[in-house]
Amino acid sequence: MLVAVLAIANAGGRIIAGWVSDRIGRTST
């Protein structure tokens, strides 16, 4: 179940980081 929870965060991190890095820059993120 923790593996599944980590997976949700894993997917969320990919989307959030992509969105944030488009705005503040890749290396800052």
PDB file of all heavy atoms in Angstrom:
ATOM      1  N   MET A   1       0.830  -1.208   0.000  1.00  0.00           N
ATOM      2  CA  MET A   1       0.000   0.000   0.000  1.00  0.00           C
ATOM      3  C   MET A   1       0.863   1.258   0.000  1.00  0.00           C
ATOM      4  O   MET A   1       0.524   2.253  -0.635  1.00  0.00           O
ATOM      5  CB  MET A   1      -0.929  -0.009   1.224  1.00  0.00           C
ATOM      6  CG  MET A   1      -1.996  -1.090   1.176  1.00  0.00           C
ATOM      7  SD  MET A   1      -3.080  -0.909  -0.265  1.00  0.00           S
ATOM      8  CE  MET A   1      -3.856   0.672   0.094  1.00  0.00           C
ATOM      9  N   LEU A   2       2.003   1.197   0.708  1.00  0.00           N
ATOM     10  CA  LEU A   2       2.929   2.325   0.665  1.00  0.00           C
ATOM     11  C   LEU A   2       3.525   2.472  -0.725  1.00  0.00           C
ATOM     12  O   LEU A   2       3.788   3.598  -1.188  1.00  0.00           O
ATOM     13  CB  LEU A   2       4.036   2.140   1.702  1.00  0.00           C
ATOM     14  CG  LEU A   2       3.616   2.226   3.168  1.00  0.00           C
ATOM     15  CD1 LEU A   2       4.819   1.966   4.072  1.00  0.00           C
ATOM     16  CD2 LEU A   2       2.996   3.578   3.480  1.00  0.00           C
ATOM     17  N   VAL A   3       3.752   1.332  -1.398  1.00  0.00           N
ATOM     18  CA  VAL A   3       4.248   1.385  -2.779  1.00  0.00           C
ATOM     19  C   VAL A   3       3.243   2.125  -3.656  1.00  0.00           C
ATOM     20  O   VAL A   3       3.615   2.940  -4.511  1.00  0.00           O
ATOM     21  CB  VAL A   3       4.501  -0.039  -3.319  1.00  0.00           C
ATOM     22  CG1 VAL A   3       4.886   0.004  -4.806  1.00  0.00           C
ATOM     23  CG2 VAL A   3       5.599  -0.727  -2.516  1.00  0.00           C
ATOM     24  N   ALA A   4       1.965   1.855  -3.463  1.00  0.00           N
ATOM     25  CA  ALA A   4       0.924   2.525  -4.241  1.00  0.00           C
ATOM     26  C   ALA A   4       0.866   4.018  -3.916  1.00  0.00           C
ATOM     27  O   ALA A   4       0.712   4.862  -4.814  1.00  0.00           O
ATOM     28  CB  ALA A   4      -0.432   1.876  -3.974  1.00  0.00           C
ATOM     29  N   VAL A   5       1.010   4.360  -2.631  1.00  0.00           N
ATOM     30  CA  VAL A   5       1.012   5.771  -2.238  1.00  0.00           C
ATOM     31  C   VAL A   5       2.218   6.481  -2.843  1.00  0.00           C
ATOM     32  O   VAL A   5       2.105   7.612  -3.360  1.00  0.00           O
ATOM     33  CB  VAL A   5       1.019   5.902  -0.703  1.00  0.00           C
ATOM     34  CG1 VAL A   5       1.285   7.345  -0.284  1.00  0.00           C
ATOM     35  CG2 VAL A   5      -0.301   5.412  -0.123  1.00  0.00           C
ATOM     36  N   LEU A   6       3.384   5.836  -2.774  1.00  0.00           N
ATOM     37  CA  LEU A   6       4.578   6.422  -3.387  1.00  0.00           C
ATOM     38  C   LEU A   6       4.347   6.658  -4.872  1.00  0.00           C
ATOM     39  O   LEU A   6       4.793   7.664  -5.430  1.00  0.00           O
ATOM     40  CB  LEU A   6       5.790   5.509  -3.165  1.00  0.00           C
ATOM     41  CG  LEU A   6       7.155   6.055  -3.562  1.00  0.00           C
ATOM     42  CD1 LEU A   6       8.263   5.458  -2.684  1.00  0.00           C
ATOM     43  CD2 LEU A   6       7.488   5.762  -5.027  1.00  0.00           C
ATOM     44  N   ALA A   7       3.630   5.743  -5.511  1.00  0.00           N
ATOM     45  CA  ALA A   7       3.367   5.883  -6.942  1.00  0.00           C
ATOM     46  C   ALA A   7       2.533   7.124  -7.242  1.00  0.00           C
ATOM     47  O   ALA A   7       2.782   7.830  -8.237  1.00  0.00           O
ATOM     48  CB  ALA A   7       2.652   4.641  -7.459  1.00  0.00           C
ATOM     49  N   ILE A   8       1.539   7.398  -6.413  1.00  0.00           N
ATOM     50  CA  ILE A   8       0.725   8.598  -6.617  1.00  0.00           C
ATOM     51  C   ILE A   8       1.598   9.843  -6.499  1.00  0.00           C
ATOM     52  O   ILE A   8       1.514  10.772  -7.312  1.00  0.00           O
ATOM     53  CB  ILE A   8      -0.428   8.642  -5.600  1.00  0.00           C
ATOM     54  CG1 ILE A   8      -1.371   7.457  -5.816  1.00  0.00           C
ATOM     55  CG2 ILE A   8      -1.192   9.956  -5.707  1.00  0.00           C
ATOM     56  CD1 ILE A   8      -2.444   7.319  -4.752  1.00  0.00           C
ATOM     57  N   ALA A   9       2.452   9.870  -5.462  1.00  0.00           N
ATOM     58  CA  ALA A   9       3.351  11.012  -5.283  1.00  0.00           C
ATOM     59  C   ALA A   9       4.358  11.094  -6.426  1.00  0.00           C
ATOM     60  O   ALA A   9       4.708  12.189  -6.889  1.00  0.00           O
ATOM     61  CB  ALA A   9       4.076  10.894  -3.945  1.00  0.00           C
ATOM     62  N   ASN A  10       4.834   9.942  -6.895  1.00  0.00           N
ATOM     63  CA  ASN A  10       5.775   9.873  -8.016  1.00  0.00           C
ATOM     64  C   ASN A  10       5.158  10.536  -9.246  1.00  0.00           C
ATOM     65  O   ASN A  10       5.779  11.385  -9.896  1.00  0.00           O
ATOM     66  CB  ASN A  10       6.090   8.391  -8.280  1.00  0.00           C
ATOM     67  CG  ASN A  10       7.174   8.175  -9.308  1.00  0.00           C
ATOM     68  OD1 ASN A  10       7.538   9.062 -10.066  1.00  0.00           O
ATOM     69  ND2 ASN A  10       7.700   6.952  -9.357  1.00  0.00           N
ATOM     70  N   ALA A  11       3.920  10.154  -9.570  1.00  0.00           N
ATOM     71  CA  ALA A  11       3.236  10.753 -10.717  1.00  0.00           C
ATOM     72  C   ALA A  11       2.990  12.240 -10.496  1.00  0.00           C
ATOM     73  O   ALA A  11       3.195  13.065 -11.402  1.00  0.00           O
ATOM     74  CB  ALA A  11       1.919  10.025 -10.963  1.00  0.00           C
ATOM     75  N   GLY A  12       2.558  12.593  -9.282  1.00  0.00           N
ATOM     76  CA  GLY A  12       2.315  13.998  -8.987  1.00  0.00           C
ATOM     77  C   GLY A  12       3.568  14.840  -9.090  1.00  0.00           C
ATOM     78  O   GLY A  12       3.538  15.973  -9.591  1.00  0.00           O
ATOM     79  N   GLY A  13       4.701  14.283  -8.623  1.00  0.00           N
ATOM     80  CA  GLY A  13       5.967  15.007  -8.719  1.00  0.00           C
ATOM     81  C   GLY A  13       6.352  15.317 -10.145  1.00  0.00           C
ATOM     82  O   GLY A  13       6.886  16.397 -10.449  1.00  0.00           O
ATOM     83  N   ARG A  14       6.074  14.398 -11.071  1.00  0.00           N
ATOM     84  CA  ARG A  14       6.402  14.615 -12.478  1.00  0.00           C
ATOM     85  C   ARG A  14       5.595  15.758 -13.070  1.00  0.00           C
ATOM     86  O   ARG A  14       6.124  16.599 -13.806  1.00  0.00           O
ATOM     87  CB  ARG A  14       6.148  13.316 -13.254  1.00  0.00           C
ATOM     88  CG  ARG A  14       7.046  12.179 -12.812  1.00  0.00           C
ATOM     89  CD  ARG A  14       6.614  10.834 -13.386  1.00  0.00           C
ATOM     90  NE  ARG A  14       7.338   9.742 -12.706  1.00  0.00           N
ATOM     91  CZ  ARG A  14       8.025   8.799 -13.332  1.00  0.00           C
ATOM     92  NH1 ARG A  14       8.073   8.776 -14.643  1.00  0.00           N
ATOM     93  NH2 ARG A  14       8.653   7.870 -12.641  1.00  0.00           N
ATOM     94  N   ILE A  15       4.313  15.794 -12.748  1.00  0.00           N
ATOM     95  CA  ILE A  15       3.450  16.854 -13.288  1.00  0.00           C
ATOM     96  C   ILE A  15       3.760  18.191 -12.624  1.00  0.00           C
ATOM     97  O   ILE A  15       3.904  19.220 -13.288  1.00  0.00           O
ATOM     98  CB  ILE A  15       1.973  16.474 -13.083  1.00  0.00           C
ATOM     99  CG1 ILE A  15       1.646  15.202 -13.884  1.00  0.00           C
ATOM    100  CG2 ILE A  15       1.059  17.611 -13.501  1.00  0.00           C
ATOM    101  CD1 ILE A  15       0.271  14.629 -13.592  1.00  0.00           C
ATOM    102  N   ILE A  16       3.886  18.183 -11.296  1.00  0.00           N
ATOM    103  CA  ILE A  16       4.140  19.427 -10.567  1.00  0.00           C
ATOM    104  C   ILE A  16       5.485  20.021 -10.962  1.00  0.00           C
ATOM    105  O   ILE A  16       5.592  21.225 -11.233  1.00  0.00           O
ATOM    106  CB  ILE A  16       4.086  19.184  -9.047  1.00  0.00           C
ATOM    107  CG1 ILE A  16       2.662  18.820  -8.624  1.00  0.00           C
ATOM    108  CG2 ILE A  16       4.552  20.419  -8.277  1.00  0.00           C
ATOM    109  CD1 ILE A  16       2.556  18.279  -7.202  1.00  0.00           C
ATOM    110  N   ALA A  17       6.530  19.194 -11.005  1.00  0.00           N
ATOM    111  CA  ALA A  17       7.857  19.697 -11.346  1.00  0.00           C
ATOM    112  C   ALA A  17       7.896  20.230 -12.775  1.00  0.00           C
ATOM    113  O   ALA A  17       8.555  21.243 -13.058  1.00  0.00           O
ATOM    114  CB  ALA A  17       8.910  18.604 -11.169  1.00  0.00           C
ATOM    115  N   GLY A  18       7.189  19.552 -13.696  1.00  0.00           N
ATOM    116  CA  GLY A  18       7.129  20.060 -15.062  1.00  0.00           C
ATOM    117  C   GLY A  18       6.492  21.427 -15.118  1.00  0.00           C
ATOM    118  O   GLY A  18       7.000  22.348 -15.773  1.00  0.00           O
ATOM    119  N   TRP A  19       5.395  21.594 -14.395  1.00  0.00           N
ATOM    120  CA  TRP A  19       4.676  22.875 -14.375  1.00  0.00           C
ATOM    121  C   TRP A  19       5.515  23.963 -13.696  1.00  0.00           C
ATOM    122  O   TRP A  19       5.654  25.071 -14.211  1.00  0.00           O
ATOM    123  CB  TRP A  19       3.350  22.688 -13.649  1.00  0.00           C
ATOM    124  CG  TRP A  19       2.481  23.906 -13.620  1.00  0.00           C
ATOM    125  CD1 TRP A  19       1.607  24.328 -14.579  1.00  0.00           C
ATOM    126  CD2 TRP A  19       2.406  24.879 -12.559  1.00  0.00           C
ATOM    127  NE1 TRP A  19       0.990  25.497 -14.190  1.00  0.00           N
ATOM    128  CE2 TRP A  19       1.457  25.848 -12.959  1.00  0.00           C
ATOM    129  CE3 TRP A  19       3.036  25.010 -11.326  1.00  0.00           C
ATOM    130  CZ2 TRP A  19       1.131  26.943 -12.156  1.00  0.00           C
ATOM    131  CZ3 TRP A  19       2.719  26.102 -10.523  1.00  0.00           C
ATOM    132  CH2 TRP A  19       1.780  27.049 -10.942  1.00  0.00           C
ATOM    133  N   VAL A  20       6.096  23.625 -12.547  1.00  0.00           N
ATOM    134  CA  VAL A  20       6.887  24.614 -11.802  1.00  0.00           C
ATOM    135  C   VAL A  20       8.131  25.022 -12.593  1.00  0.00           C
ATOM    136  O   VAL A  20       8.478  26.211 -12.683  1.00  0.00           O
ATOM    137  CB  VAL A  20       7.293  24.056 -10.422  1.00  0.00           C
ATOM    138  CG1 VAL A  20       8.312  24.966  -9.745  1.00  0.00           C
ATOM    139  CG2 VAL A  20       6.062  23.887  -9.542  1.00  0.00           C
ATOM    140  N   SER A  21       8.812  24.038 -13.200  1.00  0.00           N
ATOM    141  CA  SER A  21      10.056  24.357 -13.910  1.00  0.00           C
ATOM    142  C   SER A  21       9.816  25.186 -15.160  1.00  0.00           C
ATOM    143  O   SER A  21      10.709  25.914 -15.597  1.00  0.00           O
ATOM    144  CB  SER A  21      10.804  23.065 -14.274  1.00  0.00           C
ATOM    145  OG  SER A  21      10.109  22.323 -15.271  1.00  0.00           O
ATOM    146  N   ASP A  22       8.615  25.096 -15.749  1.00  0.00           N
ATOM    147  CA  ASP A  22       8.275  25.978 -16.866  1.00  0.00           C
ATOM    148  C   ASP A  22       8.214  27.428 -16.409  1.00  0.00           C
ATOM    149  O   ASP A  22       8.340  28.348 -17.230  1.00  0.00           O
ATOM    150  CB  ASP A  22       6.912  25.595 -17.463  1.00  0.00           C
ATOM    151  CG  ASP A  22       6.986  24.389 -18.400  1.00  0.00           C
ATOM    152  OD1 ASP A  22       8.096  24.077 -18.886  1.00  0.00           O
ATOM    153  OD2 ASP A  22       5.929  23.767 -18.648  1.00  0.00           O
ATOM    154  N   ARG A  23       8.050  27.634 -15.105  1.00  0.00           N
ATOM    155  CA  ARG A  23       7.867  28.986 -14.572  1.00  0.00           C
ATOM    156  C   ARG A  23       9.093  29.540 -13.845  1.00  0.00           C
ATOM    157  O   ARG A  23       9.424  30.710 -14.021  1.00  0.00           O
ATOM    158  CB  ARG A  23       6.640  28.997 -13.639  1.00  0.00           C
ATOM    159  CG  ARG A  23       5.346  28.957 -14.434  1.00  0.00           C
ATOM    160  CD  ARG A  23       4.177  28.325 -13.708  1.00  0.00           C
ATOM    161  NE  ARG A  23       2.988  28.382 -14.558  1.00  0.00           N
ATOM    162  CZ  ARG A  23       2.766  27.540 -15.578  1.00  0.00           C
ATOM    163  NH1 ARG A  23       3.629  26.580 -15.858  1.00  0.00           N
ATOM    164  NH2 ARG A  23       1.675  27.665 -16.315  1.00  0.00           N
ATOM    165  N   ILE A  24       9.777  28.723 -13.036  1.00  0.00           N
ATOM    166  CA  ILE A  24      10.914  29.264 -12.282  1.00  0.00           C
ATOM    167  C   ILE A  24      12.258  28.795 -12.825  1.00  0.00           C
ATOM    168  O   ILE A  24      13.297  29.215 -12.338  1.00  0.00           O
ATOM    169  CB  ILE A  24      10.810  28.927 -10.781  1.00  0.00           C
ATOM    170  CG1 ILE A  24      11.041  27.432 -10.533  1.00  0.00           C
ATOM    171  CG2 ILE A  24       9.474  29.375 -10.212  1.00  0.00           C
ATOM    172  CD1 ILE A  24      11.162  27.068  -9.061  1.00  0.00           C
ATOM    173  N   GLY A  25      12.248  27.916 -13.820  1.00  0.00           N
ATOM    174  CA  GLY A  25      13.498  27.420 -14.386  1.00  0.00           C
ATOM    175  C   GLY A  25      13.794  26.002 -13.943  1.00  0.00           C
ATOM    176  O   GLY A  25      13.391  25.570 -12.857  1.00  0.00           O
ATOM    177  N   ARG A  26      14.498  25.268 -14.805  1.00  0.00           N
ATOM    178  CA  ARG A  26      14.765  23.846 -14.531  1.00  0.00           C
ATOM    179  C   ARG A  26      15.707  23.664 -13.342  1.00  0.00           C
ATOM    180  O   ARG A  26      15.440  22.901 -12.425  1.00  0.00           O
ATOM    181  CB  ARG A  26      15.375  23.167 -15.769  1.00  0.00           C
ATOM    182  CG  ARG A  26      14.660  23.423 -17.077  1.00  0.00           C
ATOM    183  CD  ARG A  26      13.282  22.815 -17.149  1.00  0.00           C
ATOM    184  NE  ARG A  26      12.741  23.000 -18.488  1.00  0.00           N
ATOM    185  CZ  ARG A  26      11.468  23.162 -18.781  1.00  0.00           C
ATOM    186  NH1 ARG A  26      10.546  23.166 -17.824  1.00  0.00           N
ATOM    187  NH2 ARG A  26      11.082  23.330 -20.028  1.00  0.00           N
ATOM    188  N   THR A  27      16.864  24.341 -13.367  1.00  0.00           N
ATOM    189  CA  THR A  27      17.858  24.081 -12.329  1.00  0.00           C
ATOM    190  C   THR A  27      17.421  24.622 -10.962  1.00  0.00           C
ATOM    191  O   THR A  27      17.797  24.061  -9.936  1.00  0.00           O
ATOM    192  CB  THR A  27      19.231  24.653 -12.717  1.00  0.00           C
ATOM    193  OG1 THR A  27      19.095  26.043 -13.066  1.00  0.00           O
ATOM    194  CG2 THR A  27      19.801  23.904 -13.920  1.00  0.00           C
ATOM    195  N   SER A  28      16.625  25.682 -10.960  1.00  0.00           N
ATOM    196  CA  SER A  28      16.093  26.159  -9.679  1.00  0.00           C
ATOM    197  C   SER A  28      15.173  25.114  -9.067  1.00  0.00           C
ATOM    198  O   SER A  28      15.188  24.871  -7.851  1.00  0.00           O
ATOM    199  CB  SER A  28      15.334  27.479  -9.881  1.00  0.00           C
ATOM    200  OG  SER A  28      16.191  28.497 -10.320  1.00  0.00           O
ATOM    201  N   THR A  29      14.368  24.489  -9.905  1.00  0.00           N
ATOM    202  CA  THR A  29      13.489  23.423  -9.426  1.00  0.00           C
ATOM    203  C   THR A  29      14.306  22.227  -8.961  1.00  0.00           C
ATOM    204  O   THR A  29      13.981  21.583  -7.946  1.00  0.00           O
ATOM    205  CB  THR A  29      12.514  23.003 -10.535  1.00  0.00           C
ATOM    206  OG1 THR A  29      11.872  24.162 -11.077  1.00  0.00           O
ATOM    207  CG2 THR A  29      11.456  22.050  -9.998  1.00  0.00           C
TER     208      THR A  29
END
